[in-house]
Structure formats: C-alpha cells, structure tokens
Amino acid sequence: MKRMFTLLALVWAGSSMGADWQVTQSDSISAYVMCHEGDCPVRTAKVLDLPVAVPMPARVSDSAAKPVAVHSSTSVRFALASARLSQTEKATLKAFLERHRDARRFLILGSTDQVGKKRFNESLAYKRGIAVAVFMHANGVQKRNIKVDSRCCIEHPPRTNPGARRAVISINE
C-alpha cells in the first residue's frame, strides 16, 4: 500500500512539473524515482547466471583400483527409486547362482541413473548392491565371498536411463 501511495505521489508530482520529467523504476535500488527525461535509467534485461557443470573425477573404488579377471556376469534390473528385487530378477539370480555354485568370489556393482538428487542416488545404488548380496547369502553364498560396490548417476544414455537402474553381479577369481 505504501509503495502504491509513493508511486501515485510521484506521478502526480511529475505531471505538475511538465512533460520533460518522468517517473521510472531504478534498476540499482528497485525503487521509483523521478528523473529528467535524458537522465532516466534505462531498463536492461536481467540474466541469470546458470551453474556450469563441472566434470567431477570418477570415484575410484577398491574394485576399480585392482584389475580382476571376470569369468562370468549377469545383471538384475530395478524399478525407479527401488532397491527391491522383483520375482523375475530373483529367478534370474537363482539361475545364475545354480550355474556358478563353485565360484569363489562375487563382485556386485549397484548403479542408478541421474533421476533425482545425487545423495539419494548414491545411497540407492549401494542399497541395490546390498539387496542382491542379501539374496545371494540367503541362497547359500558365504558373506566373505561377496563384495558390494556402487556407482551413482550413470550419464549415458540420456538422463532417464532405465538400463542404469541395475546391479551387475560378476564372478571374480
């Protein structure tokens, strides 16, 4: 209300002074000012500084630091924002474990796409790996033979990437 009154007062004052005065809003102080026609501030377009994507170095995990020989692998997929194994994926895992009963070491790599906040996705990727590890342990694999790792926010293909919502299970010797 106070601003409206101030604006009306300035307009009224400007109209009584003559045609060479005008009321405008200053860019620097965001208030209405009276100015002489040639001295009025010129309104400019506002531009927002958008954040620039800074490439982050890839996280080096223990499994990525040491080269390992992968003898066989499979992957299981998860629904969006879920770390729960579906019945289909449980059957896939069970068949994989039956084919590789004599395997000694398993590496599980949980992963996510870029949908959502990074902190949530980091946690979700790890939970996906843990969900697979729990299932494998319940089906006869000893805990000491299972290693879980995770990676967040796979960039390629595009941002919404259902293929990135998975856990890859590898047999390492």
C-alpha atoms as a PDB file:
ATOM      1  CA  MET A   1       0.000   0.000   0.000  1.00  0.00           C
ATOM      2  CA  LYS A   2       2.840   2.345   0.890  1.00  0.00           C
ATOM      3  CA  ARG A   3       4.541   1.744  -2.475  1.00  0.00           C
ATOM      4  CA  MET A   4       1.315   2.415  -4.352  1.00  0.00           C
ATOM      5  CA  PHE A   5       0.884   5.711  -2.498  1.00  0.00           C
ATOM      6  CA  THR A   6       4.505   6.654  -3.211  1.00  0.00           C
ATOM      7  CA  LEU A   7       4.058   5.841  -6.890  1.00  0.00           C
ATOM      8  CA  LEU A   8       0.861   7.916  -7.108  1.00  0.00           C
ATOM      9  CA  ALA A   9       2.558  10.822  -5.347  1.00  0.00           C
ATOM     10  CA  LEU A  10       5.494  10.690  -7.762  1.00  0.00           C
ATOM     11  CA  VAL A  11       3.200  10.509 -10.795  1.00  0.00           C
ATOM     12  CA  TRP A  12       1.161  13.426  -9.538  1.00  0.00           C
ATOM     13  CA  ALA A  13       4.299  15.454  -8.782  1.00  0.00           C
ATOM     14  CA  GLY A  14       5.742  14.612 -12.187  1.00  0.00           C
ATOM     15  CA  SER A  15       2.590  15.617 -14.036  1.00  0.00           C
ATOM     16  CA  SER A  16       2.571  19.029 -12.367  1.00  0.00           C
ATOM     17  CA  MET A  17       6.233  19.715 -13.277  1.00  0.00           C
ATOM     18  CA  GLY A  18       5.930  19.403 -17.010  1.00  0.00           C
ATOM     19  CA  ALA A  19       6.402  16.904 -19.800  1.00  0.00           C
ATOM     20  CA  ASP A  20      10.192  16.599 -19.534  1.00  0.00           C
ATOM     21  CA  TRP A  21      10.022  14.800 -16.131  1.00  0.00           C
ATOM     22  CA  GLN A  22       9.001  11.185 -15.751  1.00  0.00           C
ATOM     23  CA  VAL A  23       8.706   8.501 -13.084  1.00  0.00           C
ATOM     24  CA  THR A  24      10.611   5.288 -13.578  1.00  0.00           C
ATOM     25  CA  GLN A  25      11.925   2.416 -11.524  1.00  0.00           C
ATOM     26  CA  SER A  26      15.636   2.367 -10.867  1.00  0.00           C
ATOM     27  CA  ASP A  27      17.451  -0.901 -11.551  1.00  0.00           C
ATOM     28  CA  SER A  28      20.042  -0.438  -8.850  1.00  0.00           C
ATOM     29  CA  ILE A  29      17.778   0.273  -5.867  1.00  0.00           C
ATOM     30  CA  SER A  30      14.485  -1.211  -7.098  1.00  0.00           C
ATOM     31  CA  ALA A  31      12.526   1.907  -6.170  1.00  0.00           C
ATOM     32  CA  TYR A  32      10.597   4.503  -8.128  1.00  0.00           C
ATOM     33  CA  VAL A  33      12.468   7.709  -8.903  1.00  0.00           C
ATOM     34  CA  MET A  34      11.724  10.947 -10.656  1.00  0.00           C
ATOM     35  CA  CYS A  35      14.164  11.837 -13.345  1.00  0.00           C
ATOM     36  CA  HIS A  36      14.610  14.296 -16.099  1.00  0.00           C
ATOM     37  CA  GLU A  37      13.895  12.804 -19.496  1.00  0.00           C
ATOM     38  CA  GLY A  38      17.521  12.462 -20.621  1.00  0.00           C
ATOM     39  CA  ASP A  39      18.817  11.249 -17.243  1.00  0.00           C
ATOM     40  CA  CYS A  40      16.423   8.348 -16.671  1.00  0.00           C
ATOM     41  CA  PRO A  41      17.950   4.936 -16.105  1.00  0.00           C
ATOM     42  CA  VAL A  42      17.481   2.524 -18.957  1.00  0.00           C
ATOM     43  CA  ARG A  43      15.910  -0.796 -18.052  1.00  0.00           C
ATOM     44  CA  THR A  44      18.016  -3.743 -19.070  1.00  0.00           C
ATOM     45  CA  ALA A  45      17.212  -7.401 -19.466  1.00  0.00           C
ATOM     46  CA  LYS A  46      18.103  -9.483 -16.437  1.00  0.00           C
ATOM     47  CA  VAL A  47      20.290 -12.512 -16.994  1.00  0.00           C
ATOM     48  CA  LEU A  48      20.619 -15.320 -14.502  1.00  0.00           C
ATOM     49  CA  ASP A  49      23.981 -16.965 -14.042  1.00  0.00           C
ATOM     50  CA  LEU A  50      23.223 -20.613 -14.588  1.00  0.00           C
ATOM     51  CA  PRO A  51      25.506 -23.095 -12.893  1.00  0.00           C
ATOM     52  CA  VAL A  52      28.125 -24.553 -15.179  1.00  0.00           C
ATOM     53  CA  ALA A  53      28.515 -28.283 -15.000  1.00  0.00           C
ATOM     54  CA  VAL A  54      31.974 -29.039 -13.682  1.00  0.00           C
ATOM     55  CA  PRO A  55      33.163 -32.514 -14.576  1.00  0.00           C
ATOM     56  CA  MET A  56      33.964 -34.442 -11.436  1.00  0.00           C
ATOM     57  CA  PRO A  57      36.656 -37.096 -11.425  1.00  0.00           C
ATOM     58  CA  ALA A  58      35.322 -40.612 -11.246  1.00  0.00           C
ATOM     59  CA  ARG A  59      35.271 -42.145  -7.808  1.00  0.00           C
ATOM     60  CA  VAL A  60      37.938 -44.769  -7.519  1.00  0.00           C
ATOM     61  CA  SER A  61      36.578 -47.746  -5.664  1.00  0.00           C
ATOM     62  CA  ASP A  62      38.559 -50.681  -4.380  1.00  0.00           C
ATOM     63  CA  SER A  63      37.238 -52.858  -7.176  1.00  0.00           C
ATOM     64  CA  ALA A  64      38.147 -50.297  -9.844  1.00  0.00           C
ATOM     65  CA  ALA A  65      41.673 -49.890  -8.468  1.00  0.00           C
ATOM     66  CA  LYS A  66      42.644 -53.536  -8.932  1.00  0.00           C
ATOM     67  CA  PRO A  67      42.204 -55.273 -12.257  1.00  0.00           C
ATOM     68  CA  VAL A  68      40.313 -58.506 -11.867  1.00  0.00           C
ATOM     69  CA  ALA A  69      39.546 -61.324 -14.241  1.00  0.00           C
ATOM     70  CA  VAL A  70      35.804 -61.556 -14.757  1.00  0.00           C
ATOM     71  CA  HIS A  71      34.751 -65.073 -15.699  1.00  0.00           C
ATOM     72  CA  SER A  72      31.020 -64.550 -15.960  1.00  0.00           C
ATOM     73  CA  SER A  73      28.447 -61.909 -15.097  1.00  0.00           C
ATOM     74  CA  THR A  74      24.765 -61.134 -15.118  1.00  0.00           C
ATOM     75  CA  SER A  75      22.649 -58.145 -14.190  1.00  0.00           C
ATOM     76  CA  VAL A  76      19.337 -57.589 -12.477  1.00  0.00           C
ATOM     77  CA  ARG A  77      17.142 -54.556 -13.018  1.00  0.00           C
ATOM     78  CA  PHE A  78      15.233 -52.461 -10.507  1.00  0.00           C
ATOM     79  CA  ALA A  79      12.202 -50.197 -10.687  1.00  0.00           C
ATOM     80  CA  LEU A  80      12.601 -46.433 -10.408  1.00  0.00           C
ATOM     81  CA  ALA A  81      13.775 -45.417  -6.908  1.00  0.00           C
ATOM     82  CA  SER A  82      13.640 -49.011  -5.687  1.00  0.00           C
ATOM     83  CA  ALA A  83      16.129 -51.471  -4.244  1.00  0.00           C
ATOM     84  CA  ARG A  84      13.632 -54.336  -4.111  1.00  0.00           C
ATOM     85  CA  LEU A  85      14.244 -57.381  -6.297  1.00  0.00           C
ATOM     86  CA  SER A  86      11.247 -58.475  -8.363  1.00  0.00           C
ATOM     87  CA  GLN A  87      10.319 -62.163  -8.629  1.00  0.00           C
ATOM     88  CA  THR A  88      11.681 -62.224 -12.192  1.00  0.00           C
ATOM     89  CA  GLU A  89      15.036 -60.835 -11.071  1.00  0.00           C
ATOM     90  CA  LYS A  90      15.185 -63.275  -8.155  1.00  0.00           C
ATOM     91  CA  ALA A  91      14.694 -66.115 -10.631  1.00  0.00           C
ATOM     92  CA  THR A  92      17.491 -64.710 -12.825  1.00  0.00           C
ATOM     93  CA  LEU A  93      19.818 -64.558  -9.827  1.00  0.00           C
ATOM     94  CA  LYS A  94      18.895 -68.057  -8.686  1.00  0.00           C
ATOM     95  CA  ALA A  95      19.647 -69.488 -12.147  1.00  0.00           C
ATOM     96  CA  PHE A  96      22.982 -67.619 -12.213  1.00  0.00           C
ATOM     97  CA  LEU A  97      23.928 -68.967  -8.789  1.00  0.00           C
ATOM     98  CA  GLU A  98      22.984 -72.534  -9.791  1.00  0.00           C
ATOM     99  CA  ARG A  99      25.219 -72.329 -12.872  1.00  0.00           C
ATOM    100  CA  HIS A 100      28.115 -70.983 -10.787  1.00  0.00           C
ATOM    101  CA  ARG A 101      27.858 -72.882  -7.474  1.00  0.00           C
ATOM    102  CA  ASP A 102      31.626 -73.463  -7.421  1.00  0.00           C
ATOM    103  CA  ALA A 103      32.502 -69.760  -7.803  1.00  0.00           C
ATOM    104  CA  ARG A 104      34.576 -68.304  -5.003  1.00  0.00           C
ATOM    105  CA  ARG A 105      34.215 -64.551  -5.262  1.00  0.00           C
ATOM    106  CA  PHE A 106      31.355 -62.355  -6.382  1.00  0.00           C
ATOM    107  CA  LEU A 107      31.506 -58.641  -7.045  1.00  0.00           C
ATOM    108  CA  ILE A 108      28.167 -56.814  -7.021  1.00  0.00           C
ATOM    109  CA  LEU A 109      28.041 -53.350  -8.531  1.00  0.00           C
ATOM    110  CA  GLY A 110      24.809 -51.444  -7.801  1.00  0.00           C
ATOM    111  CA  SER A 111      24.070 -48.433 -10.001  1.00  0.00           C
ATOM    112  CA  THR A 112      21.499 -45.705 -10.688  1.00  0.00           C
ATOM    113  CA  ASP A 113      20.578 -43.218 -13.379  1.00  0.00           C
ATOM    114  CA  GLN A 114      20.604 -39.434 -12.914  1.00  0.00           C
ATOM    115  CA  VAL A 115      16.949 -39.001 -11.991  1.00  0.00           C
ATOM    116  CA  GLY A 116      16.708 -37.440  -8.522  1.00  0.00           C
ATOM    117  CA  LYS A 117      19.208 -35.995  -6.094  1.00  0.00           C
ATOM    118  CA  LYS A 118      22.763 -37.274  -6.101  1.00  0.00           C
ATOM    119  CA  ARG A 119      22.849 -38.137  -2.385  1.00  0.00           C
ATOM    120  CA  PHE A 120      19.685 -40.237  -2.753  1.00  0.00           C
ATOM    121  CA  ASN A 121      21.067 -41.973  -5.847  1.00  0.00           C
ATOM    122  CA  GLU A 122      24.390 -42.772  -4.153  1.00  0.00           C
ATOM    123  CA  SER A 123      22.521 -44.404  -1.301  1.00  0.00           C
ATOM    124  CA  LEU A 124      20.120 -46.201  -3.667  1.00  0.00           C
ATOM    125  CA  ALA A 125      22.956 -47.637  -5.772  1.00  0.00           C
ATOM    126  CA  TYR A 126      24.554 -49.101  -2.652  1.00  0.00           C
ATOM    127  CA  LYS A 127      21.206 -50.440  -1.378  1.00  0.00           C
ATOM    128  CA  ARG A 128      20.679 -52.211  -4.702  1.00  0.00           C
ATOM    129  CA  GLY A 129      24.019 -53.942  -4.321  1.00  0.00           C
ATOM    130  CA  ILE A 130      23.181 -54.894  -0.738  1.00  0.00           C
ATOM    131  CA  ALA A 131      19.767 -56.263  -1.786  1.00  0.00           C
ATOM    132  CA  VAL A 132      21.492 -58.597  -4.235  1.00  0.00           C
ATOM    133  CA  ALA A 133      24.104 -59.602  -1.616  1.00  0.00           C
ATOM    134  CA  VAL A 134      21.385 -60.426   0.926  1.00  0.00           C
ATOM    135  CA  PHE A 135      19.566 -62.566  -1.638  1.00  0.00           C
ATOM    136  CA  MET A 136      22.777 -64.369  -2.593  1.00  0.00           C
ATOM    137  CA  HIS A 137      23.639 -65.028   1.058  1.00  0.00           C
ATOM    138  CA  ALA A 138      20.138 -66.395   1.660  1.00  0.00           C
ATOM    139  CA  ASN A 139      20.766 -68.750  -1.262  1.00  0.00           C
ATOM    140  CA  GLY A 140      23.979 -70.258   0.052  1.00  0.00           C
ATOM    141  CA  VAL A 141      26.804 -67.841  -0.852  1.00  0.00           C
ATOM    142  CA  GLN A 142      29.027 -67.021   2.105  1.00  0.00           C
ATOM    143  CA  LYS A 143      29.245 -63.344   3.070  1.00  0.00           C
ATOM    144  CA  ARG A 144      33.035 -63.331   2.891  1.00  0.00           C
ATOM    145  CA  ASN A 145      32.800 -64.246  -0.811  1.00  0.00           C
ATOM    146  CA  ILE A 146      30.604 -61.260  -1.679  1.00  0.00           C
ATOM    147  CA  LYS A 147      31.908 -57.760  -2.253  1.00  0.00           C
ATOM    148  CA  VAL A 148      29.480 -54.883  -2.835  1.00  0.00           C
ATOM    149  CA  ASP A 149      30.351 -51.646  -4.616  1.00  0.00           C
ATOM    150  CA  SER A 150      28.213 -48.949  -6.190  1.00  0.00           C
ATOM    151  CA  ARG A 151      28.258 -46.157  -8.712  1.00  0.00           C
ATOM    152  CA  CYS A 152      25.871 -43.286  -8.926  1.00  0.00           C
ATOM    153  CA  CYS A 153      24.302 -41.317 -11.682  1.00  0.00           C
ATOM    154  CA  ILE A 154      25.342 -43.048 -14.890  1.00  0.00           C
ATOM    155  CA  GLU A 155      25.275 -40.335 -17.545  1.00  0.00           C
ATOM    156  CA  HIS A 156      24.987 -42.273 -20.769  1.00  0.00           C
ATOM    157  CA  PRO A 157      22.482 -42.883 -22.356  1.00  0.00           C
ATOM    158  CA  PRO A 158      20.327 -39.893 -21.506  1.00  0.00           C
ATOM    159  CA  ARG A 159      19.292 -38.597 -18.105  1.00  0.00           C
ATOM    160  CA  THR A 160      16.386 -41.013 -17.738  1.00  0.00           C
ATOM    161  CA  ASN A 161      18.109 -44.321 -18.234  1.00  0.00           C
ATOM    162  CA  PRO A 162      16.180 -47.418 -17.104  1.00  0.00           C
ATOM    163  CA  GLY A 163      19.182 -49.567 -18.077  1.00  0.00           C
ATOM    164  CA  ALA A 164      21.252 -47.871 -15.369  1.00  0.00           C
ATOM    165  CA  ARG A 165      18.812 -48.994 -12.658  1.00  0.00           C
ATOM    166  CA  ARG A 166      20.575 -52.280 -12.092  1.00  0.00           C
ATOM    167  CA  ALA A 167      23.099 -54.332 -10.205  1.00  0.00           C
ATOM    168  CA  VAL A 168      25.764 -56.270 -12.077  1.00  0.00           C
ATOM    169  CA  ILE A 169      26.984 -59.498 -10.492  1.00  0.00           C
ATOM    170  CA  SER A 170      30.408 -60.693 -11.619  1.00  0.00           C
ATOM    171  CA  ILE A 171      32.389 -63.789 -10.733  1.00  0.00           C
ATOM    172  CA  ASN A 172      35.981 -62.858  -9.907  1.00  0.00           C
ATOM    173  CA  GLU A 173      38.850 -65.242  -9.269  1.00  0.00           C
END
